[in-house]
Amino acid sequence: MSNKNQAFIVEGGHKLSGEIVPQGAKNEALQVICAVLLTSDKVTISNLPDIKDVVLLIQLLEGLGVIVEKTASNTYSFQASEVNLDYFYSPEFVSNASRIRGSVMLIGPLLARFGKAVLPKPGGDKIGRRRIDTHLLGLQKLGAIFNYDSENSLYSIKAPDLKGAYILMDEISVTGTANTVMAASMAQGVTTIYNAACEPYLQQLCKMLNSMGARISGVGSNKLVVEGVAKMFGTGHRVLPDMIEIGSFIGMAAMTQSALTIKDVRADLLGNILPTFQRMGIQFDVVGDDIVVPEQDLYEIQTFIDGSIMTIYDAPWPGFPPDLMSIMLVLATQAKGSVLIHQKMFESRLFFVDKLIDMGAQLILCDPHRATIIGLERKYPLRAITMTSPDIRAGVSLLIAALSAKGTSKILQINQIDRGYERIDERLNGLGAQIRRVDLT
C-alpha cells in the first residue's frame, strides 16, 4: 500500500494489449462489510478489492472486536459475535473512521443490533459538500436520537427501540439508503423507503441482507419495503465487478489507442455506461460477459439529432455514474468533436482540469459543474507534466492522460488512487504500460 510520500512516474505513448479482470466493486464492498455487524454468525465475502478504503474499514471492524480471517485471495470471513462498543471512544477509532466516508454505514447495523453508535465526521474524497443529513434523517424516522459534539466532531446516536416508518429520502443517496435499509431490517414493524437508491450495489446489499434473514421487497426499484426481523444469520456473498474500473479501462484503451479485453464485467448490470461511451464514439463489442475494445485511431463524439453539441451528465442510477465523469472529460480531449461535461451531483470534481489544460487540452471550465472540451483529434498529443491526484477518480483520469501523453509525467499524492484501485500500476504494467512507483524523500 502506498502513502502520501509516493508518486507514479508514467512514461507515455505506449500501447497496451491483453486481458484485464476488473476488481471487486469498492462501493459495494464498503456496504456489505458494514452489514456483517447485523449478526453474531459468520459471514463470508469474496471478491473484496485489496484497496485502502476496504483495508481501513476491515481494521475498524477488528477494533470493534469482529473476528476477521482472510480465507483466500480477496475473500474474508467476519464474525461479530462479541462487539466492543467502548472502542468507539478510542483515538484509533476516531482517527481511522474519519479517514473514509464508508465508515458512516456502520451506524445503521450498530443501531439495529446494539441500539447505539458513535461516529466522527466522515472523510473521503474532497469533491464538494457531501451531507450526511440523509443518513441521519432516515435513521431519525426509525427512532434514532442524535447528538453532535462540534468540539470533537463526533456524532453520538442512540436508538433503544427502532420502529418501522414511512421514509421519503430527501435525496437519492446510495449510502444513505444502505444505512436506512440495514437499520430497518431489524426494526419493529414495516418500513417503507421511497426515493431509495436502486443501483446494482444497493441491490446486492439487499440480496445479501435477505439471505441473512431480512425481508426486503422492491429490490431494484426506488421503493423498498422492509419487514423488520428479530434476528439475522450468517451467509456467503460475492461482490460484483467494479463498474467504475470497467469504465476506466474502456477510456484507457481508447485514449492510448490500445486493444484490450475486459473480462467478466457483468454487462447486464452496467446500465447507461456502455451507451454513453458509444456516444463518445468509442467502439467495443460485448462478447459473452467480456468487453472487447479494438485499437481505434480516432473516435468522434456524436451530436444530438438536431446537430447540437453533445452533453454528457451524471444522474442517480440508472443514469450515468458521477464517478466516471472525469474519465469522460479526459477521453474527450483527444476526440474529434466537442462535448459539454455537466457534473451535476458534486461541485468540486472538475477542478482537476487545470492539469489537463497544462498538458495542452483545449477546454473551458464554465463553472464548478460544467466544462466544454474541444477535441484535439490526436493532432496534438497531450504533454507530460508533474501533477497531483486530488481524489480517487480524478487521479485515475490523470493517470490515463499521462499514459497517452508524450514524455514522462509524475503523479503525486497517489494514495488517493490506491484508495480505490487495487495494484493499478502492477496490473497496467502487465498490459504494457510503463508506470514506476517511487518513494519521495
Protein backbone atom coordinates (compact mmCIF):
# COMPACT_ATOMS: atom_id res chain seq x y z
CA MET A 1 0.00 0.00 0.00
CA SER A 2 1.26 3.46 -0.86
CA ASN A 3 1.25 6.60 1.20
CA LYS A 4 1.41 10.32 0.59
CA ASN A 5 5.18 10.05 0.08
CA GLN A 6 4.92 8.00 -3.10
CA ALA A 7 4.43 9.03 -6.72
CA PHE A 8 3.92 7.45 -10.12
CA ILE A 9 6.42 8.08 -12.88
CA VAL A 10 4.50 7.43 -16.09
CA GLU A 11 6.18 7.08 -19.46
CA GLY A 12 3.51 7.93 -22.01
CA GLY A 13 2.97 6.80 -25.56
CA HIS A 14 2.95 3.02 -25.04
CA LYS A 15 0.10 0.98 -26.46
CA LEU A 16 -1.47 -1.57 -24.13
CA SER A 17 -2.71 -5.01 -25.07
CA GLY A 18 -4.12 -8.10 -23.46
CA GLU A 19 -6.81 -9.02 -20.94
CA ILE A 20 -7.62 -7.48 -17.58
CA VAL A 21 -10.11 -8.57 -14.91
CA PRO A 22 -11.85 -5.76 -13.01
CA GLN A 23 -11.52 -5.76 -9.25
CA GLY A 24 -14.44 -6.17 -6.90
CA ALA A 25 -16.63 -3.10 -6.59
CA LYS A 26 -15.35 -0.62 -3.98
CA ASN A 27 -18.75 0.95 -3.33
CA GLU A 28 -20.48 -2.40 -2.82
CA ALA A 29 -17.66 -3.74 -0.66
CA LEU A 30 -17.98 -0.89 1.86
CA GLN A 31 -21.73 -1.55 2.22
CA VAL A 32 -21.62 -5.31 2.64
CA ILE A 33 -18.66 -5.22 5.05
CA CYS A 34 -20.68 -2.98 7.39
CA ALA A 35 -23.63 -5.41 7.16
CA VAL A 36 -21.66 -8.19 8.94
CA LEU A 37 -22.36 -6.34 12.21
CA LEU A 38 -26.04 -7.32 11.98
CA THR A 39 -25.40 -10.90 13.09
CA SER A 40 -23.27 -12.86 15.54
CA ASP A 41 -22.91 -15.61 12.92
CA LYS A 42 -20.04 -15.93 10.45
CA VAL A 43 -20.36 -14.04 7.15
CA THR A 44 -18.03 -14.76 4.23
CA ILE A 45 -17.48 -12.18 1.48
CA SER A 46 -15.49 -12.89 -1.67
CA ASN A 47 -14.09 -10.67 -4.45
CA LEU A 48 -13.27 -7.87 -2.00
CA PRO A 49 -10.82 -5.41 -3.60
CA ASP A 50 -7.49 -5.01 -1.80
CA ILE A 51 -7.65 -1.22 -1.62
CA LYS A 52 -7.03 1.30 1.14
CA ASP A 53 -10.66 2.13 1.91
CA VAL A 54 -11.57 -1.56 2.30
CA VAL A 55 -8.49 -2.30 4.43
CA LEU A 56 -9.28 0.65 6.73
CA LEU A 57 -12.90 -0.45 7.16
CA ILE A 58 -11.84 -4.02 7.99
CA GLN A 59 -9.40 -2.61 10.57
CA LEU A 60 -12.29 -0.65 12.13
CA LEU A 61 -14.29 -3.88 12.46
CA GLU A 62 -11.32 -5.66 14.03
CA GLY A 63 -11.02 -2.82 16.53
CA LEU A 64 -14.70 -3.30 17.40
CA GLY A 65 -13.91 -6.94 18.21
CA VAL A 66 -15.08 -8.59 14.98
CA ILE A 67 -13.11 -11.77 14.24
CA VAL A 68 -11.74 -11.33 10.72
CA GLU A 69 -9.99 -14.09 8.80
CA LYS A 70 -8.59 -13.94 5.28
CA THR A 71 -9.58 -17.32 3.88
CA ALA A 72 -8.38 -16.86 0.28
CA SER A 73 -7.24 -14.15 -2.08
CA ASN A 74 -9.79 -11.29 -1.82
CA THR A 75 -12.01 -13.44 0.45
CA TYR A 76 -12.64 -12.78 4.14
CA SER A 77 -14.83 -14.23 6.85
CA PHE A 78 -16.28 -11.97 9.56
CA GLN A 79 -17.84 -12.93 12.87
CA ALA A 80 -19.23 -10.14 15.06
CA SER A 81 -20.11 -12.41 17.97
CA GLU A 82 -18.59 -10.07 20.56
CA VAL A 83 -18.51 -6.35 19.75
CA ASN A 84 -16.60 -3.89 21.94
CA LEU A 85 -18.65 -0.70 21.84
CA ASP A 86 -16.10 1.11 24.06
CA TYR A 87 -13.78 1.14 21.02
CA PHE A 88 -15.93 3.99 19.67
CA TYR A 89 -14.22 6.39 22.05
CA SER A 90 -10.64 5.36 21.32
CA PRO A 91 -8.33 7.76 19.43
CA GLU A 92 -7.63 4.93 16.97
CA PHE A 93 -11.32 4.58 16.02
CA VAL A 94 -11.81 8.32 15.69
CA SER A 95 -8.70 8.64 13.52
CA ASN A 96 -9.47 5.71 11.19
CA ALA A 97 -13.24 6.28 10.89
CA SER A 98 -12.70 9.92 9.94
CA ARG A 99 -10.43 8.90 7.04
CA ILE A 100 -13.02 7.03 4.98
CA ARG A 101 -16.54 8.02 4.08
CA GLY A 102 -17.73 4.40 4.11
CA SER A 103 -17.48 4.40 7.92
CA VAL A 104 -20.81 6.26 8.05
CA MET A 105 -22.55 2.99 7.11
CA LEU A 106 -21.53 1.46 10.45
CA ILE A 107 -24.32 3.46 12.10
CA GLY A 108 -27.30 1.52 10.68
CA PRO A 109 -26.23 -2.01 11.64
CA LEU A 110 -24.88 -0.91 15.04
CA LEU A 111 -28.17 0.83 15.89
CA ALA A 112 -30.16 -2.18 14.68
CA ARG A 113 -28.26 -4.67 16.81
CA PHE A 114 -26.93 -2.69 19.78
CA GLY A 115 -29.07 0.45 19.92
CA LYS A 116 -26.18 2.89 19.87
CA ALA A 117 -23.26 4.12 17.77
CA VAL A 118 -20.62 6.84 17.67
CA LEU A 119 -19.15 8.29 14.51
CA PRO A 120 -16.61 11.02 13.80
CA LYS A 121 -17.30 13.30 10.87
CA PRO A 122 -16.50 11.03 7.90
CA GLY A 123 -13.69 11.76 5.46
CA GLY A 124 -13.14 10.58 1.88
CA ASP A 125 -12.76 12.49 -1.35
CA LYS A 126 -12.69 16.28 -1.39
CA ILE A 127 -15.30 16.57 -4.13
CA GLY A 128 -17.61 19.14 -2.64
CA ARG A 129 -20.20 19.07 0.11
CA ARG A 130 -21.36 15.56 0.90
CA ARG A 131 -24.02 15.89 3.57
CA ILE A 132 -24.81 13.06 5.93
CA ASP A 133 -28.22 14.57 6.65
CA THR A 134 -29.88 11.87 4.53
CA HIS A 135 -28.43 9.17 6.79
CA LEU A 136 -29.46 10.97 9.95
CA LEU A 137 -32.96 11.88 8.78
CA GLY A 138 -33.74 8.32 7.69
CA LEU A 139 -32.49 6.85 10.95
CA GLN A 140 -34.33 9.51 12.98
CA LYS A 141 -37.60 8.42 11.35
CA LEU A 142 -36.89 4.94 12.73
CA GLY A 143 -36.41 6.35 16.23
CA ALA A 144 -32.71 7.23 16.46
CA ILE A 145 -31.69 10.22 18.58
CA PHE A 146 -28.60 12.19 17.52
CA ASN A 147 -26.24 14.46 19.39
CA TYR A 148 -23.37 16.27 17.66
CA ASP A 149 -20.28 17.25 19.63
CA SER A 150 -18.94 20.09 17.49
CA GLU A 151 -15.81 20.45 19.61
CA ASN A 152 -14.69 16.89 18.81
CA SER A 153 -16.65 16.50 15.53
CA LEU A 154 -18.38 13.39 16.92
CA TYR A 155 -21.92 12.13 16.30
CA SER A 156 -23.42 10.17 19.17
CA ILE A 157 -26.51 8.15 18.23
CA LYS A 158 -28.89 6.17 20.42
CA ALA A 159 -31.87 4.06 19.35
CA PRO A 160 -33.14 1.86 22.16
CA ASP A 161 -36.28 0.99 20.21
CA LEU A 162 -36.20 1.18 16.40
CA LYS A 163 -39.66 1.10 14.84
CA GLY A 164 -40.72 0.85 11.23
CA ALA A 165 -41.80 4.05 9.49
CA TYR A 166 -42.60 5.65 6.15
CA ILE A 167 -39.41 7.36 4.98
CA LEU A 168 -39.22 9.67 1.99
CA MET A 169 -35.48 10.09 1.31
CA ASP A 170 -34.63 13.75 0.80
CA GLU A 171 -32.08 12.77 -1.87
CA ILE A 172 -31.25 9.61 -3.81
CA SER A 173 -28.28 8.66 -1.67
CA VAL A 174 -26.74 5.21 -2.10
CA THR A 175 -25.01 5.13 1.28
CA GLY A 176 -27.99 6.86 2.93
CA THR A 177 -30.33 4.19 1.55
CA ALA A 178 -27.91 1.44 2.61
CA ASN A 179 -27.74 2.74 6.17
CA THR A 180 -31.50 3.05 6.45
CA VAL A 181 -32.15 -0.41 4.97
CA MET A 182 -29.71 -2.05 7.38
CA ALA A 183 -31.30 -0.33 10.39
CA ALA A 184 -34.85 -1.08 9.18
CA SER A 185 -34.01 -4.78 8.71
CA MET A 186 -34.19 -5.29 12.49
CA ALA A 187 -36.68 -2.55 13.42
CA GLN A 188 -40.10 -3.46 14.77
CA GLY A 189 -42.77 -3.42 12.08
CA VAL A 190 -42.68 -2.38 8.43
CA THR A 191 -40.54 0.37 6.93
CA THR A 192 -41.24 1.87 3.51
CA ILE A 193 -38.31 3.73 1.94
CA TYR A 194 -39.36 5.88 -1.02
CA ASN A 195 -36.95 7.72 -3.34
CA ALA A 196 -34.45 4.99 -2.49
CA ALA A 197 -31.27 4.47 -4.47
CA CYS A 198 -31.54 1.46 -6.75
CA GLU A 199 -28.06 0.97 -8.22
CA PRO A 200 -26.71 -2.59 -8.57
CA TYR A 201 -24.51 -2.31 -5.46
CA LEU A 202 -27.52 -1.41 -3.32
CA GLN A 203 -29.42 -4.30 -4.91
CA GLN A 204 -26.53 -6.56 -3.93
CA LEU A 205 -26.70 -5.36 -0.32
CA CYS A 206 -30.44 -6.08 -0.21
CA LYS A 207 -29.90 -9.57 -1.65
CA MET A 208 -27.23 -10.24 0.96
CA LEU A 209 -29.50 -8.99 3.77
CA ASN A 210 -32.35 -11.18 2.52
CA SER A 211 -30.01 -14.18 2.54
CA MET A 212 -29.25 -13.28 6.19
CA GLY A 213 -32.95 -13.44 7.05
CA ALA A 214 -34.13 -9.91 6.26
CA ARG A 215 -37.42 -9.35 4.43
CA ILE A 216 -36.86 -6.67 1.81
CA SER A 217 -39.07 -6.33 -1.26
CA GLY A 218 -38.94 -3.90 -4.18
CA VAL A 219 -35.21 -4.50 -4.72
CA GLY A 220 -34.10 -2.70 -7.87
CA SER A 221 -36.84 -0.07 -7.64
CA ASN A 222 -36.94 3.27 -5.83
CA LYS A 223 -39.45 1.97 -3.29
CA LEU A 224 -38.19 -0.56 -0.76
CA VAL A 225 -40.46 -2.26 1.78
CA VAL A 226 -38.63 -3.74 4.77
CA GLU A 227 -40.37 -6.03 7.27
CA GLY A 228 -38.28 -5.99 10.43
CA VAL A 229 -36.98 -9.29 11.83
CA ALA A 230 -35.71 -10.10 15.32
CA LYS A 231 -32.53 -11.92 14.29
CA MET A 232 -30.15 -12.10 11.34
CA PHE A 233 -27.96 -15.04 10.34
CA GLY A 234 -24.68 -15.82 8.58
CA THR A 235 -24.32 -16.01 4.82
CA GLY A 236 -21.89 -16.02 1.91
CA HIS A 237 -21.72 -13.17 -0.59
CA ARG A 238 -19.72 -12.32 -3.73
CA VAL A 239 -19.05 -8.70 -4.65
CA LEU A 240 -19.79 -7.55 -8.22
CA PRO A 241 -17.03 -6.35 -10.55
CA ASP A 242 -16.38 -2.62 -10.22
CA MET A 243 -18.27 -0.76 -12.96
CA ILE A 244 -16.11 2.34 -12.43
CA GLU A 245 -12.95 0.38 -13.05
CA ILE A 246 -14.56 -1.17 -16.14
CA GLY A 247 -15.38 2.30 -17.48
CA SER A 248 -11.86 3.47 -16.62
CA PHE A 249 -10.37 0.65 -18.69
CA ILE A 250 -12.62 1.42 -21.69
CA GLY A 251 -11.47 5.04 -21.56
CA MET A 252 -7.85 4.00 -21.12
CA ALA A 253 -7.97 1.73 -24.18
CA ALA A 254 -9.43 4.48 -26.34
CA MET A 255 -7.01 7.19 -25.15
CA THR A 256 -3.92 5.02 -25.69
CA GLN A 257 -5.18 3.52 -29.00
CA SER A 258 -4.95 0.08 -27.43
CA ALA A 259 -6.76 -3.21 -27.96
CA LEU A 260 -8.00 -4.51 -24.60
CA THR A 261 -10.33 -7.24 -23.41
CA ILE A 262 -12.04 -6.53 -20.08
CA LYS A 263 -13.12 -9.85 -18.57
CA ASP A 264 -16.17 -10.88 -16.54
CA VAL A 265 -17.84 -7.46 -16.41
CA ARG A 266 -21.49 -8.38 -15.66
CA ALA A 267 -22.51 -6.40 -18.75
CA ASP A 268 -26.18 -6.86 -17.84
CA LEU A 269 -25.68 -4.57 -14.84
CA LEU A 270 -23.76 -1.72 -16.48
CA GLY A 271 -26.86 0.38 -17.11
CA ASN A 272 -26.23 3.54 -19.12
CA ILE A 273 -22.43 3.24 -19.07
CA LEU A 274 -21.86 1.46 -22.40
CA PRO A 275 -24.33 3.60 -24.44
CA THR A 276 -22.62 6.73 -23.11
CA PHE A 277 -19.20 5.51 -24.28
CA GLN A 278 -20.78 4.84 -27.67
CA ARG A 279 -21.97 8.44 -27.78
CA MET A 280 -18.34 9.43 -27.33
CA GLY A 281 -17.51 7.41 -30.45
CA ILE A 282 -15.81 4.50 -28.67
CA GLN A 283 -16.04 1.15 -30.44
CA PHE A 284 -16.36 -2.09 -28.48
CA ASP A 285 -18.13 -5.43 -28.57
CA VAL A 286 -19.72 -7.37 -25.74
CA VAL A 287 -18.65 -10.98 -26.25
CA GLY A 288 -20.24 -13.27 -23.69
CA ASP A 289 -19.55 -11.36 -20.48
CA ASP A 290 -16.39 -9.65 -21.77
CA ILE A 291 -15.96 -6.20 -23.33
CA VAL A 292 -13.58 -6.24 -26.29
CA VAL A 293 -12.21 -2.80 -27.18
CA PRO A 294 -10.38 -2.77 -30.55
CA GLU A 295 -7.46 -0.48 -31.38
CA GLN A 296 -9.07 2.73 -32.60
CA ASP A 297 -7.10 5.51 -34.31
CA LEU A 298 -9.76 8.18 -33.90
CA TYR A 299 -13.15 8.38 -32.18
CA GLU A 300 -15.75 11.00 -32.99
CA ILE A 301 -18.19 12.42 -30.45
CA GLN A 302 -21.77 12.19 -31.66
CA THR A 303 -24.11 15.17 -31.73
CA PHE A 304 -27.75 15.31 -30.75
CA ILE A 305 -30.28 14.60 -33.51
CA ASP A 306 -30.65 18.32 -34.31
CA GLY A 307 -26.87 18.68 -34.67
CA SER A 308 -26.32 20.48 -31.36
CA ILE A 309 -23.32 19.74 -29.15
CA MET A 310 -23.45 16.52 -27.13
CA THR A 311 -23.94 16.90 -23.36
CA ILE A 312 -22.79 14.15 -21.02
CA TYR A 313 -24.17 14.44 -17.48
CA ASP A 314 -24.36 12.31 -14.38
CA ALA A 315 -27.52 11.23 -12.59
CA PRO A 316 -28.63 8.74 -9.94
CA TRP A 317 -28.83 5.15 -11.19
CA PRO A 318 -29.72 4.09 -13.84
CA GLY A 319 -28.23 7.37 -15.05
CA PHE A 320 -24.53 7.73 -15.87
CA PRO A 321 -22.40 7.38 -12.69
CA PRO A 322 -20.74 10.55 -11.37
CA ASP A 323 -17.57 8.55 -10.69
CA LEU A 324 -17.00 8.18 -14.45
CA MET A 325 -17.42 11.83 -15.39
CA SER A 326 -13.72 12.65 -15.03
CA ILE A 327 -12.89 9.69 -17.32
CA MET A 328 -15.27 11.11 -19.94
CA LEU A 329 -13.66 14.51 -19.67
CA VAL A 330 -10.15 13.15 -20.31
CA LEU A 331 -11.47 10.96 -23.12
CA ALA A 332 -12.94 14.00 -24.87
CA THR A 333 -9.58 15.79 -25.05
CA GLN A 334 -8.32 13.62 -27.94
CA ALA A 335 -11.68 13.02 -29.65
CA LYS A 336 -12.97 14.52 -32.86
CA GLY A 337 -15.74 16.94 -31.98
CA SER A 338 -16.84 18.81 -28.87
CA VAL A 339 -18.79 17.93 -25.76
CA LEU A 340 -20.22 19.64 -22.68
CA ILE A 341 -19.44 17.69 -19.49
CA HIS A 342 -22.05 18.57 -16.85
CA GLN A 343 -21.14 17.23 -13.41
CA LYS A 344 -24.46 17.76 -11.64
CA MET A 345 -24.06 15.81 -8.42
CA PHE A 346 -20.79 17.20 -6.97
CA GLU A 347 -19.48 20.71 -7.35
CA SER A 348 -15.70 20.28 -7.00
CA ARG A 349 -14.96 17.28 -9.18
CA LEU A 350 -13.95 19.26 -12.26
CA PHE A 351 -11.25 21.36 -10.65
CA PHE A 352 -8.56 18.93 -11.81
CA VAL A 353 -8.99 20.24 -15.39
CA ASP A 354 -6.25 22.81 -14.82
CA LYS A 355 -3.80 19.88 -15.06
CA LEU A 356 -5.27 18.88 -18.42
CA ILE A 357 -5.01 22.46 -19.67
CA ASP A 358 -1.33 22.41 -18.66
CA MET A 359 -0.99 19.21 -20.73
CA GLY A 360 -2.37 21.02 -23.80
CA ALA A 361 -6.06 20.09 -23.69
CA GLN A 362 -8.48 22.54 -25.29
CA LEU A 363 -11.17 23.04 -22.69
CA ILE A 364 -13.03 25.72 -20.80
CA LEU A 365 -14.18 25.32 -17.20
CA CYS A 366 -17.50 27.15 -17.37
CA ASP A 367 -18.28 26.87 -13.63
CA PRO A 368 -17.77 24.28 -10.85
CA HIS A 369 -20.22 21.94 -12.59
CA ARG A 370 -19.58 22.32 -16.33
CA ALA A 371 -16.66 22.09 -18.73
CA THR A 372 -16.63 22.36 -22.52
CA ILE A 373 -13.99 20.27 -24.31
CA ILE A 374 -12.87 20.76 -27.90
CA GLY A 375 -11.26 17.52 -29.05
CA LEU A 376 -7.71 17.66 -30.44
CA GLU A 377 -8.41 14.80 -32.92
CA ARG A 378 -4.98 13.39 -31.96
CA LYS A 379 -3.29 16.18 -33.96
CA TYR A 380 -1.51 17.27 -30.80
CA PRO A 381 -0.70 14.70 -28.11
CA LEU A 382 -1.01 15.80 -24.51
CA ARG A 383 2.25 16.98 -22.91
CA ALA A 384 3.82 15.22 -19.94
CA ILE A 385 3.78 17.27 -16.71
CA THR A 386 4.02 16.88 -12.93
CA MET A 387 0.57 16.77 -11.33
CA THR A 388 -1.22 15.92 -8.09
CA SER A 389 -4.12 13.50 -7.68
CA PRO A 390 -6.97 15.35 -5.90
CA ASP A 391 -9.35 12.39 -5.48
CA ILE A 392 -9.72 8.74 -6.49
CA ARG A 393 -11.44 9.21 -9.85
CA ALA A 394 -9.59 12.34 -10.95
CA GLY A 395 -6.36 10.53 -10.03
CA VAL A 396 -7.05 7.67 -12.42
CA SER A 397 -8.19 10.13 -15.10
CA LEU A 398 -4.85 11.92 -14.81
CA LEU A 399 -3.10 8.54 -14.99
CA ILE A 400 -4.96 7.82 -18.25
CA ALA A 401 -3.95 11.24 -19.58
CA ALA A 402 -0.32 10.56 -18.64
CA LEU A 403 -0.37 7.14 -20.36
CA SER A 404 -1.46 8.84 -23.59
CA ALA A 405 0.88 11.85 -23.27
CA LYS A 406 4.17 12.50 -25.00
CA GLY A 407 7.01 12.22 -22.50
CA THR A 408 7.27 11.22 -18.84
CA SER A 409 4.78 12.52 -16.26
CA LYS A 410 4.92 12.46 -12.47
CA ILE A 411 1.71 11.98 -10.44
CA LEU A 412 1.91 12.97 -6.79
CA GLN A 413 -0.40 12.00 -3.89
CA ILE A 414 -1.12 8.58 -5.37
CA ASN A 415 -2.52 7.45 -2.03
CA GLN A 416 -5.79 8.80 -3.45
CA ILE A 417 -5.58 6.37 -6.39
CA ASP A 418 -4.67 3.48 -4.07
CA ARG A 419 -7.84 4.17 -2.06
CA GLY A 420 -9.96 2.93 -4.97
CA TYR A 421 -7.82 0.90 -7.39
CA GLU A 422 -6.06 -2.33 -6.47
CA ARG A 423 -2.39 -2.52 -7.56
CA ILE A 424 -3.26 -0.40 -10.59
CA ASP A 425 0.39 0.15 -11.56
CA GLU A 426 1.25 -3.58 -11.49
CA ARG A 427 -1.88 -4.55 -13.41
CA LEU A 428 -1.41 -1.94 -16.14
CA ASN A 429 2.29 -2.71 -16.47
CA GLY A 430 1.20 -6.27 -17.22
CA LEU A 431 -0.60 -4.85 -20.27
CA GLY A 432 2.44 -2.93 -21.49
CA ALA A 433 2.23 0.34 -19.55
CA GLN A 434 5.38 1.92 -18.16
CA ILE A 435 4.49 3.05 -14.62
CA ARG A 436 7.01 3.21 -11.77
CA ARG A 437 6.03 3.69 -8.14
CA VAL A 438 8.71 5.75 -6.38
CA ASP A 439 9.25 6.92 -2.81
CA LEU A 440 9.61 10.66 -2.33
CA THR A 441 12.06 11.96 0.22
